[in-house]
C-alpha atoms as a PDB file:
ATOM      1  CA  MET A   1     176.525 109.378 124.461  1.00  0.00           C
ATOM      2  CA  GLU A   2     175.361 109.552 120.844  1.00  0.00           C
ATOM      3  CA  LYS A   3     173.033 106.569 121.406  1.00  0.00           C
ATOM      4  CA  ILE A   4     171.513 108.255 124.460  1.00  0.00           C
ATOM      5  CA  VAL A   5     170.779 111.418 122.426  1.00  0.00           C
ATOM      6  CA  LEU A   6     169.199 109.354 119.637  1.00  0.00           C
ATOM      7  CA  ILE A   7     167.059 107.437 122.126  1.00  0.00           C
ATOM      8  CA  ALA A   8     165.948 110.695 123.763  1.00  0.00           C
ATOM      9  CA  CYS A   9     165.011 112.197 120.374  1.00  0.00           C
ATOM     10  CA  TRP A  10     163.102 109.055 119.459  1.00  0.00           C
ATOM     11  CA  ALA A  11     161.242 109.126 122.772  1.00  0.00           C
ATOM     12  CA  ASN A  12     160.260 112.775 122.299  1.00  0.00           C
ATOM     13  CA  ALA A  13     159.074 112.093 118.764  1.00  0.00           C
ATOM     14  CA  MET A  14     156.964 109.156 119.938  1.00  0.00           C
ATOM     15  CA  ALA A  15     155.482 111.261 122.730  1.00  0.00           C
ATOM     16  CA  GLU A  16     154.471 113.964 120.246  1.00  0.00           C
ATOM     17  CA  PHE A  17     153.032 111.354 117.890  1.00  0.00           C
ATOM     18  CA  LEU A  18     150.973 109.742 120.649  1.00  0.00           C
ATOM     19  CA  GLU A  19     149.712 113.127 121.797  1.00  0.00           C
ATOM     20  CA  LEU A  20     148.635 114.041 118.240  1.00  0.00           C
ATOM     21  CA  ASP A  21     147.042 110.605 117.799  1.00  0.00           C
ATOM     22  CA  TRP A  22     145.134 111.023 121.072  1.00  0.00           C
ATOM     23  CA  LYS A  23     143.931 114.484 120.011  1.00  0.00           C
ATOM     24  CA  ALA A  24     142.836 113.103 116.652  1.00  0.00           C
ATOM     25  CA  GLN A  25     140.883 110.313 118.351  1.00  0.00           C
ATOM     26  CA  MET A  26     139.233 112.764 120.740  1.00  0.00           C
ATOM     27  CA  LEU A  27     138.375 115.074 117.836  1.00  0.00           C
ATOM     28  CA  GLY A  28     136.821 112.148 115.989  1.00  0.00           C
ATOM     29  CA  ARG A  29     134.728 111.262 119.045  1.00  0.00           C
ATOM     30  CA  ASP A  30     133.572 114.885 119.399  1.00  0.00           C
ATOM     31  CA  ILE A  31     132.606 115.016 115.716  1.00  0.00           C
ATOM     32  CA  ILE A  32     130.617 111.790 116.008  1.00  0.00           C
ATOM     33  CA  ARG A  33     128.978 112.992 119.237  1.00  0.00           C
ATOM     34  CA  ASP A  34     127.953 116.323 117.659  1.00  0.00           C
ATOM     35  CA  TRP A  35     126.728 114.517 114.537  1.00  0.00           C
ATOM     36  CA  LYS A  36     124.695 111.956 116.470  1.00  0.00           C
ATOM     37  CA  SER A  37     123.147 114.648 118.678  1.00  0.00           C
ATOM     38  CA  THR A  38     121.376 116.105 115.615  1.00  0.00           C
ATOM     39  CA  GLU A  39     119.786 112.798 114.626  1.00  0.00           C
ATOM     40  CA  PRO A  40     116.499 111.321 115.860  1.00  0.00           C
ATOM     41  CA  LYS A  41     116.423 107.727 117.005  1.00  0.00           C
ATOM     42  CA  ASP A  42     114.759 106.592 113.777  1.00  0.00           C
ATOM     43  CA  LYS A  43     115.672 108.627 110.694  1.00  0.00           C
ATOM     44  CA  ALA A  44     113.389 106.524 108.511  1.00  0.00           C
ATOM     45  CA  ILE A  45     110.330 107.830 110.361  1.00  0.00           C
ATOM     46  CA  SER A  46     111.435 111.441 109.820  1.00  0.00           C
ATOM     47  CA  VAL A  47     112.085 110.819 106.135  1.00  0.00           C
ATOM     48  CA  GLN A  48     108.682 109.222 105.621  1.00  0.00           C
ATOM     49  CA  SER A  49     106.920 111.974 107.582  1.00  0.00           C
ATOM     50  CA  LEU A  50     108.530 114.592 105.378  1.00  0.00           C
ATOM     51  CA  ARG A  51     107.653 112.630 102.227  1.00  0.00           C
ATOM     52  CA  ASN A  52     104.015 112.431 103.359  1.00  0.00           C
ATOM     53  CA  LEU A  53     103.953 116.184 103.946  1.00  0.00           C
ATOM     54  CA  ILE A  54     105.254 116.813 100.433  1.00  0.00           C
ATOM     55  CA  GLN A  55     102.657 114.469  98.950  1.00  0.00           C
ATOM     56  CA  ARG A  56      99.872 116.358 100.738  1.00  0.00           C
ATOM     57  CA  SER A  57     101.150 119.677  99.386  1.00  0.00           C
ATOM     58  CA  ASP A  58      98.904 121.878  97.260  1.00  0.00           C
ATOM     59  CA  ASP A  59     101.963 122.801  95.194  1.00  0.00           C
ATOM     60  CA  ARG A  60     101.562 120.377  92.295  1.00  0.00           C
ATOM     61  CA  GLU A  61     104.820 121.422  90.648  1.00  0.00           C
ATOM     62  CA  LEU A  62     106.791 120.839  93.827  1.00  0.00           C
ATOM     63  CA  LYS A  63     105.106 117.497  94.451  1.00  0.00           C
ATOM     64  CA  ASP A  64     105.689 116.241  90.917  1.00  0.00           C
ATOM     65  CA  ASN A  65     109.261 117.457  90.415  1.00  0.00           C
ATOM     66  CA  MET A  66     110.823 117.247  93.854  1.00  0.00           C
ATOM     67  CA  GLN A  67     113.161 114.275  94.278  1.00  0.00           C
ATOM     68  CA  GLN A  68     111.871 112.348  97.264  1.00  0.00           C
ATOM     69  CA  ASP A  69     114.488 109.637  97.734  1.00  0.00           C
ATOM     70  CA  ASP A  70     115.891 109.203 101.231  1.00  0.00           C
ATOM     71  CA  LYS A  71     119.264 110.739 100.402  1.00  0.00           C
ATOM     72  CA  THR A  72     117.743 113.966  99.078  1.00  0.00           C
ATOM     73  CA  LEU A  73     115.286 114.377 101.932  1.00  0.00           C
ATOM     74  CA  LEU A  74     117.983 113.748 104.543  1.00  0.00           C
ATOM     75  CA  LYS A  75     120.014 116.705 103.204  1.00  0.00           C
ATOM     76  CA  PHE A  76     117.143 119.003 104.090  1.00  0.00           C
ATOM     77  CA  LEU A  77     116.351 117.290 107.380  1.00  0.00           C
ATOM     78  CA  TYR A  78     119.906 117.729 108.652  1.00  0.00           C
ATOM     79  CA  ALA A  79     119.814 121.409 107.675  1.00  0.00           C
ATOM     80  CA  ARG A  80     116.830 121.942 109.985  1.00  0.00           C
ATOM     81  CA  LYS A  81     117.822 119.474 112.711  1.00  0.00           C
ATOM     82  CA  PHE A  82     115.063 117.050 111.725  1.00  0.00           C
ATOM     83  CA  ASP A  83     112.246 119.486 112.459  1.00  0.00           C
ATOM     84  CA  ILE A  84     109.695 118.247 109.903  1.00  0.00           C
ATOM     85  CA  ASN A  85     107.744 121.478 109.443  1.00  0.00           C
ATOM     86  CA  ASP A  86     110.859 123.663 109.217  1.00  0.00           C
ATOM     87  CA  THR A  87     112.367 121.200 106.746  1.00  0.00           C
ATOM     88  CA  TYR A  88     109.263 121.300 104.570  1.00  0.00           C
ATOM     89  CA  GLU A  89     109.427 125.114 104.473  1.00  0.00           C
ATOM     90  CA  LEU A  90     113.107 124.917 103.498  1.00  0.00           C
ATOM     91  CA  ILE A  91     112.266 122.566 100.633  1.00  0.00           C
ATOM     92  CA  ARG A  92     109.561 124.904  99.401  1.00  0.00           C
ATOM     93  CA  ASN A  93     111.961 127.857  99.600  1.00  0.00           C
ATOM     94  CA  TYR A  94     114.694 125.900  97.811  1.00  0.00           C
ATOM     95  CA  TYR A  95     112.554 125.149  94.780  1.00  0.00           C
ATOM     96  CA  TRP A  96     110.771 128.500  94.824  1.00  0.00           C
ATOM     97  CA  TYR A  97     114.147 130.262  94.736  1.00  0.00           C
ATOM     98  CA  ARG A  98     115.253 128.254  91.705  1.00  0.00           C
ATOM     99  CA  ARG A  99     112.040 129.010  89.838  1.00  0.00           C
ATOM    100  CA  LYS A 100     112.384 132.679  90.694  1.00  0.00           C
ATOM    101  CA  ASN A 101     116.055 132.926  89.632  1.00  0.00           C
ATOM    102  CA  PRO A 102     116.529 130.671  86.584  1.00  0.00           C
ATOM    103  CA  GLU A 103     119.499 132.736  85.343  1.00  0.00           C
ATOM    104  CA  ILE A 104     121.558 131.659  88.359  1.00  0.00           C
ATOM    105  CA  PHE A 105     121.163 127.973  87.549  1.00  0.00           C
ATOM    106  CA  ARG A 106     121.397 128.125  83.768  1.00  0.00           C
ATOM    107  CA  ASN A 107     124.427 126.104  82.547  1.00  0.00           C
ATOM    108  CA  PHE A 108     125.089 125.229  86.181  1.00  0.00           C
ATOM    109  CA  THR A 109     128.115 122.979  85.653  1.00  0.00           C
ATOM    110  CA  ILE A 110     131.867 123.040  86.149  1.00  0.00           C
ATOM    111  CA  GLN A 111     132.138 123.540  82.393  1.00  0.00           C
ATOM    112  CA  ALA A 112     130.475 126.954  82.625  1.00  0.00           C
ATOM    113  CA  GLU A 113     133.182 129.512  81.905  1.00  0.00           C
ATOM    114  CA  ASP A 114     132.332 131.846  84.766  1.00  0.00           C
ATOM    115  CA  ILE A 115     132.045 129.079  87.376  1.00  0.00           C
ATOM    116  CA  ARG A 116     135.293 127.520  86.216  1.00  0.00           C
ATOM    117  CA  LYS A 117     137.117 130.883  86.214  1.00  0.00           C
ATOM    118  CA  SER A 118     135.890 131.724  89.697  1.00  0.00           C
ATOM    119  CA  LEU A 119     136.990 128.360  91.104  1.00  0.00           C
ATOM    120  CA  GLU A 120     140.377 128.683  89.400  1.00  0.00           C
ATOM    121  CA  ASN A 121     140.878 131.817  91.489  1.00  0.00           C
ATOM    122  CA  GLY A 122     139.737 130.128  94.687  1.00  0.00           C
ATOM    123  CA  LEU A 123     136.424 131.955  94.815  1.00  0.00           C
ATOM    124  CA  PRO A 124     135.493 129.982  96.780  1.00  0.00           C
ATOM    125  CA  GLY A 125     138.137 127.557  97.977  1.00  0.00           C
ATOM    126  CA  VAL A 126     137.777 124.624 100.352  1.00  0.00           C
ATOM    127  CA  LEU A 127     140.412 123.740 102.937  1.00  0.00           C
ATOM    128  CA  GLU A 128     141.587 120.140 103.062  1.00  0.00           C
ATOM    129  CA  SER A 129     141.165 119.855 106.844  1.00  0.00           C
ATOM    130  CA  ARG A 130     138.038 120.450 108.917  1.00  0.00           C
ATOM    131  CA  ASP A 131     137.971 122.558 112.060  1.00  0.00           C
ATOM    132  CA  ARG A 132     137.969 120.959 115.517  1.00  0.00           C
ATOM    133  CA  LYS A 133     134.196 120.584 115.454  1.00  0.00           C
ATOM    134  CA  GLY A 134     134.301 118.688 112.185  1.00  0.00           C
ATOM    135  CA  ARG A 135     132.996 121.562 110.090  1.00  0.00           C
ATOM    136  CA  CYS A 136     134.008 122.069 106.477  1.00  0.00           C
ATOM    137  CA  ILE A 137     135.896 125.342 105.927  1.00  0.00           C
ATOM    138  CA  LEU A 138     135.330 127.503 102.859  1.00  0.00           C
ATOM    139  CA  ILE A 139     137.584 130.461 102.114  1.00  0.00           C
ATOM    140  CA  VAL A 140     137.202 133.465  99.839  1.00  0.00           C
ATOM    141  CA  ASN A 141     140.251 135.642  99.107  1.00  0.00           C
ATOM    142  CA  GLY A 142     138.947 138.930  97.744  1.00  0.00           C
ATOM    143  CA  ILE A 143     142.292 139.976  96.297  1.00  0.00           C
ATOM    144  CA  ASN A 144     141.998 137.110  93.769  1.00  0.00           C
ATOM    145  CA  TRP A 145     138.977 138.707  92.089  1.00  0.00           C
ATOM    146  CA  ASP A 146     140.118 140.619  89.008  1.00  0.00           C
ATOM    147  CA  CYS A 147     136.507 141.675  88.227  1.00  0.00           C
ATOM    148  CA  SER A 148     136.653 140.201  84.700  1.00  0.00           C
ATOM    149  CA  TYR A 149     133.629 138.187  85.863  1.00  0.00           C
ATOM    150  CA  SER A 150     130.784 139.362  88.039  1.00  0.00           C
ATOM    151  CA  LEU A 151     129.867 138.898  91.677  1.00  0.00           C
ATOM    152  CA  MET A 152     127.000 136.753  90.395  1.00  0.00           C
ATOM    153  CA  SER A 153     129.577 134.398  88.862  1.00  0.00           C
ATOM    154  CA  ILE A 154     131.269 134.034  92.243  1.00  0.00           C
ATOM    155  CA  TYR A 155     127.877 133.300  93.774  1.00  0.00           C
ATOM    156  CA  ARG A 156     127.202 130.650  91.125  1.00  0.00           C
ATOM    157  CA  ALA A 157     130.581 129.055  91.906  1.00  0.00           C
ATOM    158  CA  LEU A 158     129.767 129.150  95.618  1.00  0.00           C
ATOM    159  CA  LEU A 159     126.399 127.476  95.106  1.00  0.00           C
ATOM    160  CA  TYR A 160     127.946 124.881  92.808  1.00  0.00           C
ATOM    161  CA  THR A 161     130.575 124.124  95.459  1.00  0.00           C
ATOM    162  CA  LEU A 162     127.981 123.874  98.225  1.00  0.00           C
ATOM    163  CA  GLU A 163     125.765 121.585  96.138  1.00  0.00           C
ATOM    164  CA  PHE A 164     128.787 119.330  95.718  1.00  0.00           C
ATOM    165  CA  LEU A 165     129.809 119.426  99.387  1.00  0.00           C
ATOM    166  CA  ILE A 166     126.325 118.893 100.747  1.00  0.00           C
ATOM    167  CA  GLN A 167     126.294 115.389  99.281  1.00  0.00           C
ATOM    168  CA  ASN A 168     128.612 114.451 102.159  1.00  0.00           C
ATOM    169  CA  ILE A 169     126.652 113.469 105.259  1.00  0.00           C
ATOM    170  CA  HIS A 170     129.340 114.895 107.564  1.00  0.00           C
ATOM    171  CA  ASN A 171     128.853 118.314 105.979  1.00  0.00           C
ATOM    172  CA  GLN A 172     125.102 117.982 106.308  1.00  0.00           C
ATOM    173  CA  ALA A 173     125.384 117.230 110.007  1.00  0.00           C
ATOM    174  CA  ASN A 174     128.286 119.464 111.075  1.00  0.00           C
ATOM    175  CA  GLY A 175     127.820 122.448 108.770  1.00  0.00           C
ATOM    176  CA  PHE A 176     130.205 124.995 107.319  1.00  0.00           C
ATOM    177  CA  VAL A 177     132.502 127.809 108.364  1.00  0.00           C
ATOM    178  CA  VAL A 178     133.207 130.568 105.831  1.00  0.00           C
ATOM    179  CA  LEU A 179     136.343 132.740 105.966  1.00  0.00           C
ATOM    180  CA  VAL A 180     136.375 135.884 103.820  1.00  0.00           C
ATOM    181  CA  ASP A 181     139.737 137.633 103.502  1.00  0.00           C
ATOM    182  CA  TRP A 182     139.432 141.257 102.322  1.00  0.00           C
ATOM    183  CA  THR A 183     143.140 142.039 102.711  1.00  0.00           C
ATOM    184  CA  GLU A 184     144.302 144.417  99.939  1.00  0.00           C
ATOM    185  CA  PHE A 185     140.815 144.440  98.432  1.00  0.00           C
ATOM    186  CA  SER A 186     140.749 147.709  96.493  1.00  0.00           C
ATOM    187  CA  PHE A 187     138.137 150.437  96.359  1.00  0.00           C
ATOM    188  CA  ARG A 188     137.728 149.767  92.632  1.00  0.00           C
ATOM    189  CA  GLN A 189     136.923 146.133  93.374  1.00  0.00           C
ATOM    190  CA  SER A 190     134.387 147.163  96.015  1.00  0.00           C
ATOM    191  CA  THR A 191     132.327 149.036  93.407  1.00  0.00           C
ATOM    192  CA  ASN A 192     131.476 145.599  91.960  1.00  0.00           C
ATOM    193  CA  LEU A 193     129.775 144.513  95.182  1.00  0.00           C
ATOM    194  CA  LYS A 194     126.335 145.221  93.755  1.00  0.00           C
ATOM    195  CA  PRO A 195     123.653 145.539  96.492  1.00  0.00           C
ATOM    196  CA  SER A 196     121.053 143.741  94.355  1.00  0.00           C
ATOM    197  CA  VAL A 197     123.341 140.715  93.958  1.00  0.00           C
ATOM    198  CA  LEU A 198     124.284 140.733  97.639  1.00  0.00           C
ATOM    199  CA  LYS A 199     120.578 140.714  98.518  1.00  0.00           C
ATOM    200  CA  THR A 200     119.978 137.770  96.161  1.00  0.00           C
ATOM    201  CA  MET A 201     122.894 135.904  97.736  1.00  0.00           C
ATOM    202  CA  ILE A 202     121.606 136.446 101.257  1.00  0.00           C
ATOM    203  CA  GLU A 203     118.124 135.363 100.281  1.00  0.00           C
ATOM    204  CA  GLY A 204     119.413 132.161  98.712  1.00  0.00           C
ATOM    205  CA  LEU A 205     121.886 131.131 101.391  1.00  0.00           C
ATOM    206  CA  GLN A 206     119.947 132.235 104.453  1.00  0.00           C
ATOM    207  CA  ASP A 207     116.548 130.673 103.775  1.00  0.00           C
ATOM    208  CA  CYS A 208     116.727 128.591 100.606  1.00  0.00           C
ATOM    209  CA  PHE A 209     119.704 126.259 100.830  1.00  0.00           C
ATOM    210  CA  PRO A 210     120.105 123.044 102.879  1.00  0.00           C
ATOM    211  CA  ALA A 211     123.291 123.937 104.724  1.00  0.00           C
ATOM    212  CA  ARG A 212     124.137 124.968 108.256  1.00  0.00           C
ATOM    213  CA  PHE A 213     126.458 127.964 108.334  1.00  0.00           C
ATOM    214  CA  LYS A 214     128.031 127.925 111.783  1.00  0.00           C
ATOM    215  CA  GLY A 215     130.267 130.964 111.362  1.00  0.00           C
ATOM    216  CA  ILE A 216     131.145 133.636 108.791  1.00  0.00           C
ATOM    217  CA  HIS A 217     134.421 135.401 109.525  1.00  0.00           C
ATOM    218  CA  PHE A 218     135.645 138.606 107.855  1.00  0.00           C
ATOM    219  CA  ILE A 219     139.299 139.578 108.116  1.00  0.00           C
ATOM    220  CA  GLY A 220     141.324 142.483 106.753  1.00  0.00           C
ATOM    221  CA  GLN A 221     138.271 144.440 105.645  1.00  0.00           C
ATOM    222  CA  PRO A 222     138.869 148.140 104.703  1.00  0.00           C
ATOM    223  CA  TRP A 223     136.334 150.836 105.576  1.00  0.00           C
ATOM    224  CA  TYR A 224     134.700 150.829 102.150  1.00  0.00           C
ATOM    225  CA  VAL A 225     133.974 147.119 102.404  1.00  0.00           C
ATOM    226  CA  GLU A 226     132.403 147.670 105.815  1.00  0.00           C
ATOM    227  CA  ALA A 227     130.275 150.394 104.231  1.00  0.00           C
ATOM    228  CA  ALA A 228     129.143 147.997 101.496  1.00  0.00           C
ATOM    229  CA  LEU A 229     128.336 145.297 104.035  1.00  0.00           C
ATOM    230  CA  THR A 230     126.236 147.765 106.046  1.00  0.00           C
ATOM    231  CA  VAL A 231     123.820 147.810 103.131  1.00  0.00           C
ATOM    232  CA  ILE A 232     123.009 144.111 103.566  1.00  0.00           C
ATOM    233  CA  LYS A 233     122.479 144.102 107.330  1.00  0.00           C
ATOM    234  CA  PRO A 234     118.722 144.849 107.146  1.00  0.00           C
ATOM    235  CA  PHE A 235     118.277 141.625 105.174  1.00  0.00           C
ATOM    236  CA  LEU A 236     120.009 139.449 107.777  1.00  0.00           C
ATOM    237  CA  LYS A 237     118.090 137.540 110.403  1.00  0.00           C
ATOM    238  CA  ASP A 238     119.206 137.931 114.003  1.00  0.00           C
ATOM    239  CA  LYS A 239     120.511 134.357 114.056  1.00  0.00           C
ATOM    240  CA  THR A 240     122.644 135.073 110.988  1.00  0.00           C
ATOM    241  CA  LYS A 241     123.980 138.317 112.456  1.00  0.00           C
ATOM    242  CA  GLU A 242     125.078 136.447 115.574  1.00  0.00           C
ATOM    243  CA  ARG A 243     127.237 134.148 113.432  1.00  0.00           C
ATOM    244  CA  ILE A 244     129.096 136.915 111.596  1.00  0.00           C
ATOM    245  CA  TYR A 245     132.463 137.817 113.120  1.00  0.00           C
ATOM    246  CA  VAL A 246     134.476 140.827 111.993  1.00  0.00           C
ATOM    247  CA  HIS A 247     138.160 140.559 112.926  1.00  0.00           C
ATOM    248  CA  GLY A 248     139.831 143.303 110.892  1.00  0.00           C
ATOM    249  CA  ASN A 249     143.594 142.817 111.038  1.00  0.00           C
ATOM    250  CA  ASN A 250     143.498 140.978 114.365  1.00  0.00           C
ATOM    251  CA  LEU A 251     144.082 137.390 113.259  1.00  0.00           C
ATOM    252  CA  SER A 252     144.417 136.197 116.844  1.00  0.00           C
ATOM    253  CA  THR A 253     140.660 136.625 117.336  1.00  0.00           C
ATOM    254  CA  LEU A 254     140.047 134.518 114.221  1.00  0.00           C
ATOM    255  CA  HIS A 255     142.306 131.829 115.680  1.00  0.00           C
ATOM    256  CA  ASN A 256     140.058 131.679 118.732  1.00  0.00           C
ATOM    257  CA  TYR A 257     137.397 130.203 116.443  1.00  0.00           C
ATOM    258  CA  VAL A 258     139.432 128.408 113.774  1.00  0.00           C
ATOM    259  CA  HIS A 259     142.719 126.924 114.959  1.00  0.00           C
ATOM    260  CA  VAL A 260     145.983 127.728 113.201  1.00  0.00           C
ATOM    261  CA  ASP A 261     146.729 124.065 112.489  1.00  0.00           C
ATOM    262  CA  VAL A 262     144.154 123.985 109.661  1.00  0.00           C
ATOM    263  CA  LEU A 263     144.563 127.518 108.305  1.00  0.00           C
ATOM    264  CA  PRO A 264     146.768 128.553 105.359  1.00  0.00           C
ATOM    265  CA  ALA A 265     149.794 130.776 105.928  1.00  0.00           C
ATOM    266  CA  GLU A 266     148.078 133.915 104.596  1.00  0.00           C
ATOM    267  CA  MET A 267     145.556 133.631 107.422  1.00  0.00           C
ATOM    268  CA  GLY A 268     148.240 133.208 110.048  1.00  0.00           C
ATOM    269  CA  GLY A 269     148.003 129.434 109.933  1.00  0.00           C
ATOM    270  CA  GLU A 270     150.494 126.600 109.961  1.00  0.00           C
ATOM    271  CA  GLN A 271     149.567 125.200 106.542  1.00  0.00           C
ATOM    272  CA  ALA A 272     151.057 126.192 103.194  1.00  0.00           C
ATOM    273  CA  SER A 273     149.478 129.033 101.226  1.00  0.00           C
ATOM    274  CA  TYR A 274     146.165 128.014  99.742  1.00  0.00           C
ATOM    275  CA  ASN A 275     146.362 126.479  96.272  1.00  0.00           C
ATOM    276  CA  PRO A 276     142.975 126.623  94.472  1.00  0.00           C
ATOM    277  CA  GLU A 277     144.093 124.032  91.925  1.00  0.00           C
ATOM    278  CA  ILE A 278     143.777 121.267  94.526  1.00  0.00           C
ATOM    279  CA  TRP A 279     140.059 121.825  95.102  1.00  0.00           C
ATOM    280  CA  LEU A 280     139.373 122.525  91.416  1.00  0.00           C
ATOM    281  CA  LYS A 281     141.006 119.229  90.436  1.00  0.00           C
ATOM    282  CA  GLN A 282     139.009 117.339  93.059  1.00  0.00           C
ATOM    283  CA  ILE A 283     135.665 118.756  92.010  1.00  0.00           C
ATOM    284  CA  MET A 284     136.391 118.222  88.317  1.00  0.00           C
ATOM    285  CA  GLN A 285     137.374 114.596  88.856  1.00  0.00           C
ATOM    286  CA  SER A 286     134.164 113.968  90.799  1.00  0.00           C
ATOM    287  CA  ASP A 287     132.145 115.631  88.041  1.00  0.00           C
ATOM    288  CA  LYS A 288     133.566 113.153  85.515  1.00  0.00           C
ATOM    289  CA  ALA A 289     132.856 110.125  87.708  1.00  0.00           C
END
């Protein structure tokens, strides 16, 4: 009898394993299919066409200082689905934004105290697993912000993280999902959400950075955060507005977009609570390499 029970348990375990393995294989195929659908038949032609457009530019500074190797140009091409003209405009915006805002990129390293402090608090954090469409998931837990450093510091840490992540071709092709948890975010903290900084952030991320943001999800937001976010709505393009989802305390609607199997416990997921040290250690090790 005992052997029969053991055999039955083993059979069930193998069935679950095979099911998970099948789902993983199907997920991998979907990721590859989505990735390949964004690529032209000959990437080299797109890269050279973009390089030629840059070389014909009247912007001497851009032409002389812009890195034009294949790897760099592909980052921008993926962000605009290989539309050459749109990609060229993105490149111009990217470098224009950096010339306009030199203070954001001054001492732009993991050794910068404010960037390091922000990442230590998981602002932002990066989940170890991707969602079911292969997208990288960034999280921001507002309660972790003690306001000893500014919103601009968090933005610098976010840009630094994105610059690191965008080196990965999967992230270029599949894009990002951002989860912002406002649970227990206090009114005092909300007074540090400076409209001028929020506007600068929107400007940089919406039009001047080579990344595809596929969804931005807000959860647990109190009324005063909603009031602060209302200020930034006029600066959002319609396409951006369509990708912002406000869930409040209803985590089940979040789970319709991002499955519980990749989410940390504090977001109603099946994973352990998020530990910012894991991502910080990874990014620091890569910085030393």
